[in-house]
Amino acid sequence: MRHGLFVFCAATLCLALPALPQTCAAQTALLPDGRDFLPPPPPTGSHAQEADMQAFENTRALHGSSRWQLAHNDADLTPQHVISDFSCAAGFNLRADRLPALLDLLKTLAQPTEQRVTEEKNFWHRPRPFVGNQQDICTPDARSKLQTSFSYPSGHTTWGWMTASILASALPERASEIMQRARIFGESRIVCGVHWKSDVQAGYMNGAAMFAALQAQPWFVEKMVAVRAELQTLQAHPTQPDAATCATEQKAAAGIF
């Protein structure tokens, strides 16, 4: 192995984020390194790169559509927002203020996940699909920032797939719907125009590997007990998600990229 596991002590996060005292228990997150197991990005002239380019070109026609708006929504990675994004898939409103253990877990994982993905992106330094052209993206305000960062693998997709895996583990009867929403979440990055199709595919693998590595870590197992309990409590007295949002997500599930 070239790079090995990434070891992150949550106490470091607490020093940087004093407003999150509940994350200050002594915890160590061991995250696998995609530089060792992900395939490299498609080379120029390959069939895979041609498929990436075709997906980017085809999805520019979605500008202004409901799918474009969903992609814009999915660009928000704040833990509270991401939790809410899975409400339709869960079958009831996921309110972050009623799910403190889940919110705490995601906040604990956010920094080490971002650092790991940044290492992976800097290793492959693949330009994003909109760099060097004037094609629209769904988050134009972030264009300058995004064009100075790299594309492979997709961090949004990594984060979405890992979050969905946590939720699916806690709500196994809704696992199919939750993982479908995670696929849509990743595909939003293609629609948005800020990631290639293969970036997203690598993000699915990345998130799955991270979740797999976390499951045997005692601190994570302990937190998952609390996450399951509070989700079950909320599920016992549910409020229904917005029907229009659920319809948009269901329509998005039929997309082919």
C-alpha atoms as a PDB file:
ATOM      1  CA  MET A   1       0.000   0.000   0.000  1.00  0.00           C
ATOM      2  CA  ARG A   2       1.358   3.424  -0.930  1.00  0.00           C
ATOM      3  CA  HIS A   3      -0.566   5.532   1.543  1.00  0.00           C
ATOM      4  CA  GLY A   4      -2.310   3.401   4.179  1.00  0.00           C
ATOM      5  CA  LEU A   5      -5.169   4.351   6.474  1.00  0.00           C
ATOM      6  CA  PHE A   6      -5.851   7.939   7.476  1.00  0.00           C
ATOM      7  CA  VAL A   7      -5.945   8.272  11.272  1.00  0.00           C
ATOM      8  CA  PHE A   8      -7.909  11.213  12.625  1.00  0.00           C
ATOM      9  CA  CYS A   9      -8.355  12.081  16.288  1.00  0.00           C
ATOM     10  CA  ALA A  10     -11.656  13.866  16.887  1.00  0.00           C
ATOM     11  CA  ALA A  11     -10.008  15.924  19.612  1.00  0.00           C
ATOM     12  CA  THR A  12      -8.305  17.841  16.797  1.00  0.00           C
ATOM     13  CA  LEU A  13     -11.697  18.767  15.391  1.00  0.00           C
ATOM     14  CA  CYS A  14     -12.834  19.960  18.820  1.00  0.00           C
ATOM     15  CA  LEU A  15      -9.888  22.306  19.116  1.00  0.00           C
ATOM     16  CA  ALA A  16     -10.815  23.830  15.764  1.00  0.00           C
ATOM     17  CA  LEU A  17     -14.564  23.826  16.377  1.00  0.00           C
ATOM     18  CA  PRO A  18     -15.218  24.676  20.060  1.00  0.00           C
ATOM     19  CA  ALA A  19     -18.942  25.070  19.331  1.00  0.00           C
ATOM     20  CA  LEU A  20     -19.228  21.268  18.953  1.00  0.00           C
ATOM     21  CA  PRO A  21     -18.433  20.000  22.488  1.00  0.00           C
ATOM     22  CA  GLN A  22     -20.286  16.721  21.987  1.00  0.00           C
ATOM     23  CA  THR A  23     -17.677  15.592  19.434  1.00  0.00           C
ATOM     24  CA  CYS A  24     -14.801  15.893  21.921  1.00  0.00           C
ATOM     25  CA  ALA A  25     -14.752  12.322  23.159  1.00  0.00           C
ATOM     26  CA  ALA A  26     -11.509  10.544  22.399  1.00  0.00           C
ATOM     27  CA  GLN A  27     -12.226   9.044  18.984  1.00  0.00           C
ATOM     28  CA  THR A  28     -10.101   7.902  16.105  1.00  0.00           C
ATOM     29  CA  ALA A  29     -11.499   7.589  12.583  1.00  0.00           C
ATOM     30  CA  LEU A  30      -9.621   5.187  10.342  1.00  0.00           C
ATOM     31  CA  LEU A  31     -10.425   5.998   6.716  1.00  0.00           C
ATOM     32  CA  PRO A  32      -9.119   3.989   3.743  1.00  0.00           C
ATOM     33  CA  ASP A  33      -7.175   5.782   1.051  1.00  0.00           C
ATOM     34  CA  GLY A  34      -8.690   5.890  -2.429  1.00  0.00           C
ATOM     35  CA  ARG A  35      -5.243   6.457  -3.922  1.00  0.00           C
ATOM     36  CA  ASP A  36      -4.638   2.776  -3.199  1.00  0.00           C
ATOM     37  CA  PHE A  37      -7.894   1.224  -4.416  1.00  0.00           C
ATOM     38  CA  LEU A  38      -9.655   3.565  -6.853  1.00  0.00           C
ATOM     39  CA  PRO A  39      -8.908   3.195 -10.558  1.00  0.00           C
ATOM     40  CA  PRO A  40      -7.158   6.186 -12.096  1.00  0.00           C
ATOM     41  CA  PRO A  41      -9.296   8.702 -14.011  1.00  0.00           C
ATOM     42  CA  PRO A  42      -9.923   7.794 -17.670  1.00  0.00           C
ATOM     43  CA  PRO A  43      -7.022   8.806 -19.914  1.00  0.00           C
ATOM     44  CA  THR A  44      -7.497  11.244 -22.772  1.00  0.00           C
ATOM     45  CA  GLY A  45      -8.879   9.536 -25.862  1.00  0.00           C
ATOM     46  CA  SER A  46     -10.275   6.540 -23.986  1.00  0.00           C
ATOM     47  CA  HIS A  47     -13.865   5.352 -24.381  1.00  0.00           C
ATOM     48  CA  ALA A  48     -14.457   6.177 -20.710  1.00  0.00           C
ATOM     49  CA  GLN A  49     -13.336   9.776 -21.221  1.00  0.00           C
ATOM     50  CA  GLU A  50     -15.560  10.065 -24.282  1.00  0.00           C
ATOM     51  CA  ALA A  51     -18.487   8.856 -22.160  1.00  0.00           C
ATOM     52  CA  ASP A  52     -17.594  11.459 -19.537  1.00  0.00           C
ATOM     53  CA  MET A  53     -17.575  14.233 -22.138  1.00  0.00           C
ATOM     54  CA  GLN A  54     -20.876  13.068 -23.632  1.00  0.00           C
ATOM     55  CA  ALA A  55     -22.562  13.050 -20.218  1.00  0.00           C
ATOM     56  CA  PHE A  56     -21.318  16.580 -19.553  1.00  0.00           C
ATOM     57  CA  GLU A  57     -22.548  17.880 -22.910  1.00  0.00           C
ATOM     58  CA  ASN A  58     -25.927  16.159 -22.678  1.00  0.00           C
ATOM     59  CA  THR A  59     -26.704  17.438 -19.197  1.00  0.00           C
ATOM     60  CA  ARG A  60     -26.137  21.100 -20.178  1.00  0.00           C
ATOM     61  CA  ALA A  61     -29.610  20.900 -21.745  1.00  0.00           C
ATOM     62  CA  LEU A  62     -31.081  20.436 -18.239  1.00  0.00           C
ATOM     63  CA  HIS A  63     -30.314  24.049 -17.294  1.00  0.00           C
ATOM     64  CA  GLY A  64     -33.403  25.553 -15.633  1.00  0.00           C
ATOM     65  CA  SER A  65     -35.227  22.238 -15.246  1.00  0.00           C
ATOM     66  CA  SER A  66     -36.431  20.652 -11.998  1.00  0.00           C
ATOM     67  CA  ARG A  67     -33.472  18.274 -12.223  1.00  0.00           C
ATOM     68  CA  TRP A  68     -31.118  21.267 -12.438  1.00  0.00           C
ATOM     69  CA  GLN A  69     -32.735  22.751  -9.333  1.00  0.00           C
ATOM     70  CA  LEU A  70     -32.325  19.443  -7.505  1.00  0.00           C
ATOM     71  CA  ALA A  71     -28.636  19.432  -8.453  1.00  0.00           C
ATOM     72  CA  HIS A  72     -28.337  22.948  -7.039  1.00  0.00           C
ATOM     73  CA  ASN A  73     -30.028  21.790  -3.828  1.00  0.00           C
ATOM     74  CA  ASP A  74     -27.697  18.799  -3.556  1.00  0.00           C
ATOM     75  CA  ALA A  75     -24.637  21.041  -3.745  1.00  0.00           C
ATOM     76  CA  ASP A  76     -25.219  22.114  -0.124  1.00  0.00           C
ATOM     77  CA  LEU A  77     -23.104  19.815   2.054  1.00  0.00           C
ATOM     78  CA  THR A  78     -23.934  21.224   5.487  1.00  0.00           C
ATOM     79  CA  PRO A  79     -24.855  18.232   7.673  1.00  0.00           C
ATOM     80  CA  GLN A  80     -28.288  19.639   8.544  1.00  0.00           C
ATOM     81  CA  HIS A  81     -29.139  20.056   4.878  1.00  0.00           C
ATOM     82  CA  VAL A  82     -27.844  16.642   3.822  1.00  0.00           C
ATOM     83  CA  ILE A  83     -29.869  14.946   6.570  1.00  0.00           C
ATOM     84  CA  SER A  84     -33.016  16.676   5.304  1.00  0.00           C
ATOM     85  CA  ASP A  85     -32.226  15.625   1.712  1.00  0.00           C
ATOM     86  CA  PHE A  86     -32.926  11.993   2.645  1.00  0.00           C
ATOM     87  CA  SER A  87     -36.395  12.640   4.092  1.00  0.00           C
ATOM     88  CA  CYS A  88     -38.340  11.350   1.090  1.00  0.00           C
ATOM     89  CA  ALA A  89     -36.140   8.259   0.943  1.00  0.00           C
ATOM     90  CA  ALA A  90     -36.631   7.618   4.668  1.00  0.00           C
ATOM     91  CA  GLY A  91     -40.401   8.065   4.337  1.00  0.00           C
ATOM     92  CA  PHE A  92     -40.626  10.766   7.015  1.00  0.00           C
ATOM     93  CA  ASN A  93     -39.084  14.163   7.677  1.00  0.00           C
ATOM     94  CA  LEU A  94     -35.530  13.921   8.948  1.00  0.00           C
ATOM     95  CA  ARG A  95     -35.168  16.948  11.191  1.00  0.00           C
ATOM     96  CA  ALA A  96     -31.602  17.562  12.281  1.00  0.00           C
ATOM     97  CA  ASP A  97     -32.788  19.276  15.478  1.00  0.00           C
ATOM     98  CA  ARG A  98     -34.492  16.002  16.445  1.00  0.00           C
ATOM     99  CA  LEU A  99     -31.495  13.879  15.468  1.00  0.00           C
ATOM    100  CA  PRO A 100     -28.587  15.171  17.580  1.00  0.00           C
ATOM    101  CA  ALA A 101     -26.643  11.894  17.538  1.00  0.00           C
ATOM    102  CA  LEU A 102     -26.778  11.696  13.724  1.00  0.00           C
ATOM    103  CA  LEU A 103     -25.843  15.362  13.399  1.00  0.00           C
ATOM    104  CA  ASP A 104     -22.943  14.914  15.808  1.00  0.00           C
ATOM    105  CA  LEU A 105     -21.699  11.859  13.908  1.00  0.00           C
ATOM    106  CA  LEU A 106     -21.737  13.674  10.569  1.00  0.00           C
ATOM    107  CA  LYS A 107     -19.980  16.690  12.053  1.00  0.00           C
ATOM    108  CA  THR A 108     -17.324  14.396  13.498  1.00  0.00           C
ATOM    109  CA  LEU A 109     -16.761  12.736  10.109  1.00  0.00           C
ATOM    110  CA  ALA A 110     -16.884  15.888   7.971  1.00  0.00           C
ATOM    111  CA  GLN A 111     -13.317  17.129   8.452  1.00  0.00           C
ATOM    112  CA  PRO A 112     -11.451  13.816   8.095  1.00  0.00           C
ATOM    113  CA  THR A 113     -13.548  12.892   5.057  1.00  0.00           C
ATOM    114  CA  GLU A 114     -12.846  16.225   3.392  1.00  0.00           C
ATOM    115  CA  GLN A 115      -9.136  15.931   4.157  1.00  0.00           C
ATOM    116  CA  ARG A 116      -8.962  12.416   2.735  1.00  0.00           C
ATOM    117  CA  VAL A 117     -10.805  13.372  -0.463  1.00  0.00           C
ATOM    118  CA  THR A 118      -8.598  16.450  -0.875  1.00  0.00           C
ATOM    119  CA  GLU A 119      -5.527  14.224  -0.698  1.00  0.00           C
ATOM    120  CA  GLU A 120      -7.024  11.973  -3.370  1.00  0.00           C
ATOM    121  CA  LYS A 121      -7.940  14.893  -5.632  1.00  0.00           C
ATOM    122  CA  ASN A 122      -4.509  16.448  -5.317  1.00  0.00           C
ATOM    123  CA  PHE A 123      -2.937  13.115  -6.199  1.00  0.00           C
ATOM    124  CA  TRP A 124      -4.808  12.810  -9.522  1.00  0.00           C
ATOM    125  CA  HIS A 125      -5.224  16.587 -10.159  1.00  0.00           C
ATOM    126  CA  ARG A 126      -7.953  16.073 -12.773  1.00  0.00           C
ATOM    127  CA  PRO A 127      -9.542  19.313 -14.052  1.00  0.00           C
ATOM    128  CA  ARG A 128     -13.286  19.728 -13.696  1.00  0.00           C
ATOM    129  CA  PRO A 129     -15.423  19.478 -16.871  1.00  0.00           C
ATOM    130  CA  PHE A 130     -16.287  23.185 -17.058  1.00  0.00           C
ATOM    131  CA  VAL A 131     -12.665  24.352 -16.827  1.00  0.00           C
ATOM    132  CA  GLY A 132     -11.543  25.971 -20.084  1.00  0.00           C
ATOM    133  CA  ASN A 133     -15.052  26.539 -21.456  1.00  0.00           C
ATOM    134  CA  GLN A 134     -18.064  28.743 -20.784  1.00  0.00           C
ATOM    135  CA  GLN A 135     -20.619  25.994 -20.214  1.00  0.00           C
ATOM    136  CA  ASP A 136     -23.151  26.596 -17.451  1.00  0.00           C
ATOM    137  CA  ILE A 137     -22.910  24.969 -14.034  1.00  0.00           C
ATOM    138  CA  CYS A 138     -25.664  24.823 -11.413  1.00  0.00           C
ATOM    139  CA  THR A 139     -23.614  26.746  -8.815  1.00  0.00           C
ATOM    140  CA  PRO A 140     -22.231  29.722 -10.763  1.00  0.00           C
ATOM    141  CA  ASP A 141     -21.277  31.577  -7.574  1.00  0.00           C
ATOM    142  CA  ALA A 142     -18.826  28.770  -6.786  1.00  0.00           C
ATOM    143  CA  ARG A 143     -17.253  28.690 -10.254  1.00  0.00           C
ATOM    144  CA  SER A 144     -14.036  30.512  -9.349  1.00  0.00           C
ATOM    145  CA  LYS A 145     -13.469  28.402  -6.262  1.00  0.00           C
ATOM    146  CA  LEU A 146     -14.241  25.110  -7.982  1.00  0.00           C
ATOM    147  CA  GLN A 147     -11.984  25.670 -10.967  1.00  0.00           C
ATOM    148  CA  THR A 148      -8.978  25.868  -8.650  1.00  0.00           C
ATOM    149  CA  SER A 149      -9.807  22.494  -7.067  1.00  0.00           C
ATOM    150  CA  PHE A 150      -9.663  19.084  -8.677  1.00  0.00           C
ATOM    151  CA  SER A 151     -12.379  16.718  -9.809  1.00  0.00           C
ATOM    152  CA  TYR A 152     -11.495  13.081  -9.081  1.00  0.00           C
ATOM    153  CA  PRO A 153     -13.046  11.552  -7.029  1.00  0.00           C
ATOM    154  CA  SER A 154     -16.220  13.473  -6.241  1.00  0.00           C
ATOM    155  CA  GLY A 155     -16.225  14.565  -2.611  1.00  0.00           C
ATOM    156  CA  HIS A 156     -19.963  15.332  -2.648  1.00  0.00           C
ATOM    157  CA  THR A 157     -20.659  11.822  -3.885  1.00  0.00           C
ATOM    158  CA  THR A 158     -18.312  10.272  -1.323  1.00  0.00           C
ATOM    159  CA  TRP A 159     -20.064  12.176   1.451  1.00  0.00           C
ATOM    160  CA  GLY A 160     -23.564  11.447   0.142  1.00  0.00           C
ATOM    161  CA  TRP A 161     -22.904   7.711  -0.223  1.00  0.00           C
ATOM    162  CA  MET A 162     -21.390   7.446   3.257  1.00  0.00           C
ATOM    163  CA  THR A 163     -24.280   9.399   4.801  1.00  0.00           C
ATOM    164  CA  ALA A 164     -26.792   7.212   2.979  1.00  0.00           C
ATOM    165  CA  SER A 165     -24.997   4.081   4.180  1.00  0.00           C
ATOM    166  CA  ILE A 166     -25.315   5.288   7.768  1.00  0.00           C
ATOM    167  CA  LEU A 167     -29.033   5.954   7.290  1.00  0.00           C
ATOM    168  CA  ALA A 168     -29.648   2.676   5.456  1.00  0.00           C
ATOM    169  CA  SER A 169     -27.922   0.775   8.271  1.00  0.00           C
ATOM    170  CA  ALA A 170     -30.164   2.490  10.819  1.00  0.00           C
ATOM    171  CA  LEU A 171     -33.346   2.134   8.698  1.00  0.00           C
ATOM    172  CA  PRO A 172     -32.840  -1.173   6.854  1.00  0.00           C
ATOM    173  CA  GLU A 173     -36.466  -1.356   5.734  1.00  0.00           C
ATOM    174  CA  ARG A 174     -35.842   1.837   3.708  1.00  0.00           C
ATOM    175  CA  ALA A 175     -32.349   0.901   2.509  1.00  0.00           C
ATOM    176  CA  SER A 176     -33.301   0.621  -1.187  1.00  0.00           C
ATOM    177  CA  GLU A 177     -34.931   4.056  -1.238  1.00  0.00           C
ATOM    178  CA  ILE A 178     -32.087   5.639   0.722  1.00  0.00           C
ATOM    179  CA  MET A 179     -29.375   4.249  -1.534  1.00  0.00           C
ATOM    180  CA  GLN A 180     -31.362   5.287  -4.616  1.00  0.00           C
ATOM    181  CA  ARG A 181     -31.349   8.840  -3.237  1.00  0.00           C
ATOM    182  CA  ALA A 182     -27.586   8.539  -2.730  1.00  0.00           C
ATOM    183  CA  ARG A 183     -27.204   7.613  -6.401  1.00  0.00           C
ATOM    184  CA  ILE A 184     -29.275  10.660  -7.380  1.00  0.00           C
ATOM    185  CA  PHE A 185     -27.189  12.801  -5.024  1.00  0.00           C
ATOM    186  CA  GLY A 186     -24.050  11.746  -6.874  1.00  0.00           C
ATOM    187  CA  GLU A 187     -25.617  12.190 -10.306  1.00  0.00           C
ATOM    188  CA  SER A 188     -26.491  15.749  -9.318  1.00  0.00           C
ATOM    189  CA  ARG A 189     -22.787  16.525  -9.645  1.00  0.00           C
ATOM    190  CA  ILE A 190     -22.915  15.455 -13.304  1.00  0.00           C
ATOM    191  CA  VAL A 191     -26.051  17.524 -13.889  1.00  0.00           C
ATOM    192  CA  CYS A 192     -24.446  20.460 -12.114  1.00  0.00           C
ATOM    193  CA  GLY A 193     -21.513  20.258 -14.525  1.00  0.00           C
ATOM    194  CA  VAL A 194     -18.834  20.247 -11.851  1.00  0.00           C
ATOM    195  CA  HIS A 195     -17.871  16.561 -12.018  1.00  0.00           C
ATOM    196  CA  TRP A 196     -17.303  13.974 -14.694  1.00  0.00           C
ATOM    197  CA  LYS A 197     -19.368  10.794 -14.689  1.00  0.00           C
ATOM    198  CA  SER A 198     -16.334   8.729 -13.669  1.00  0.00           C
ATOM    199  CA  ASP A 199     -15.657  11.110 -10.749  1.00  0.00           C
ATOM    200  CA  VAL A 200     -19.085  10.244  -9.401  1.00  0.00           C
ATOM    201  CA  GLN A 201     -18.617   6.518  -9.926  1.00  0.00           C
ATOM    202  CA  ALA A 202     -15.370   6.736  -7.963  1.00  0.00           C
ATOM    203  CA  GLY A 203     -17.204   8.679  -5.250  1.00  0.00           C
ATOM    204  CA  TYR A 204     -19.648   5.810  -4.779  1.00  0.00           C
ATOM    205  CA  MET A 205     -16.706   3.420  -4.277  1.00  0.00           C
ATOM    206  CA  ASN A 206     -14.963   5.865  -1.960  1.00  0.00           C
ATOM    207  CA  GLY A 207     -17.987   6.380   0.290  1.00  0.00           C
ATOM    208  CA  ALA A 208     -18.688   2.649   0.453  1.00  0.00           C
ATOM    209  CA  ALA A 209     -15.101   1.891   1.455  1.00  0.00           C
ATOM    210  CA  MET A 210     -15.138   4.552   4.171  1.00  0.00           C
ATOM    211  CA  PHE A 211     -18.403   3.246   5.638  1.00  0.00           C
ATOM    212  CA  ALA A 212     -17.095  -0.318   5.565  1.00  0.00           C
ATOM    213  CA  ALA A 213     -13.963   0.727   7.454  1.00  0.00           C
ATOM    214  CA  LEU A 214     -15.958   2.630  10.071  1.00  0.00           C
ATOM    215  CA  GLN A 215     -18.316  -0.197  10.979  1.00  0.00           C
ATOM    216  CA  ALA A 216     -15.821  -2.131  13.100  1.00  0.00           C
ATOM    217  CA  GLN A 217     -14.462   0.933  14.958  1.00  0.00           C
ATOM    218  CA  PRO A 218     -15.807   0.940  18.543  1.00  0.00           C
ATOM    219  CA  TRP A 219     -16.516   4.661  18.757  1.00  0.00           C
ATOM    220  CA  PHE A 220     -18.530   4.507  15.516  1.00  0.00           C
ATOM    221  CA  VAL A 221     -20.454   1.403  16.615  1.00  0.00           C
ATOM    222  CA  GLU A 222     -21.358   3.171  19.860  1.00  0.00           C
ATOM    223  CA  LYS A 223     -22.586   6.268  18.045  1.00  0.00           C
ATOM    224  CA  MET A 224     -24.651   4.164  15.640  1.00  0.00           C
ATOM    225  CA  VAL A 225     -26.626   2.739  18.598  1.00  0.00           C
ATOM    226  CA  ALA A 226     -27.744   6.262  19.471  1.00  0.00           C
ATOM    227  CA  VAL A 227     -28.398   7.126  15.810  1.00  0.00           C
ATOM    228  CA  ARG A 228     -30.678   4.111  15.370  1.00  0.00           C
ATOM    229  CA  ALA A 229     -32.568   4.856  18.578  1.00  0.00           C
ATOM    230  CA  GLU A 230     -33.338   8.470  17.718  1.00  0.00           C
ATOM    231  CA  LEU A 231     -34.326   7.638  14.134  1.00  0.00           C
ATOM    232  CA  GLN A 232     -36.735   4.991  15.411  1.00  0.00           C
ATOM    233  CA  THR A 233     -38.207   7.488  17.867  1.00  0.00           C
ATOM    234  CA  LEU A 234     -38.724  10.048  15.120  1.00  0.00           C
ATOM    235  CA  GLN A 235     -40.145   7.386  12.812  1.00  0.00           C
ATOM    236  CA  ALA A 236     -42.748   6.437  15.441  1.00  0.00           C
ATOM    237  CA  HIS A 237     -44.247   9.939  15.253  1.00  0.00           C
ATOM    238  CA  PRO A 238     -43.533  10.959  11.656  1.00  0.00           C
ATOM    239  CA  THR A 239     -44.332  14.043   9.665  1.00  0.00           C
ATOM    240  CA  GLN A 240     -44.578  13.625   5.926  1.00  0.00           C
ATOM    241  CA  PRO A 241     -41.969  15.054   3.539  1.00  0.00           C
ATOM    242  CA  ASP A 242     -42.929  17.574   0.880  1.00  0.00           C
ATOM    243  CA  ALA A 243     -44.799  15.716  -1.874  1.00  0.00           C
ATOM    244  CA  ALA A 244     -43.457  17.914  -4.687  1.00  0.00           C
ATOM    245  CA  THR A 245     -39.866  17.325  -3.570  1.00  0.00           C
ATOM    246  CA  CYS A 246     -40.447  13.580  -3.424  1.00  0.00           C
ATOM    247  CA  ALA A 247     -41.936  13.629  -6.932  1.00  0.00           C
ATOM    248  CA  THR A 248     -38.893  15.505  -8.261  1.00  0.00           C
ATOM    249  CA  GLU A 249     -36.547  12.991  -6.689  1.00  0.00           C
ATOM    250  CA  GLN A 250     -38.535  10.064  -8.057  1.00  0.00           C
ATOM    251  CA  LYS A 251     -38.411  11.554 -11.537  1.00  0.00           C
ATOM    252  CA  ALA A 252     -34.666  12.061 -11.163  1.00  0.00           C
ATOM    253  CA  ALA A 253     -34.237   8.377 -10.333  1.00  0.00           C
ATOM    254  CA  ALA A 254     -35.162   7.536 -13.933  1.00  0.00           C
ATOM    255  CA  GLY A 255     -32.250   9.581 -15.316  1.00  0.00           C
ATOM    256  CA  ILE A 256     -29.544   7.856 -17.342  1.00  0.00           C
ATOM    257  CA  PHE A 257     -26.057   9.322 -17.558  1.00  0.00           C
END
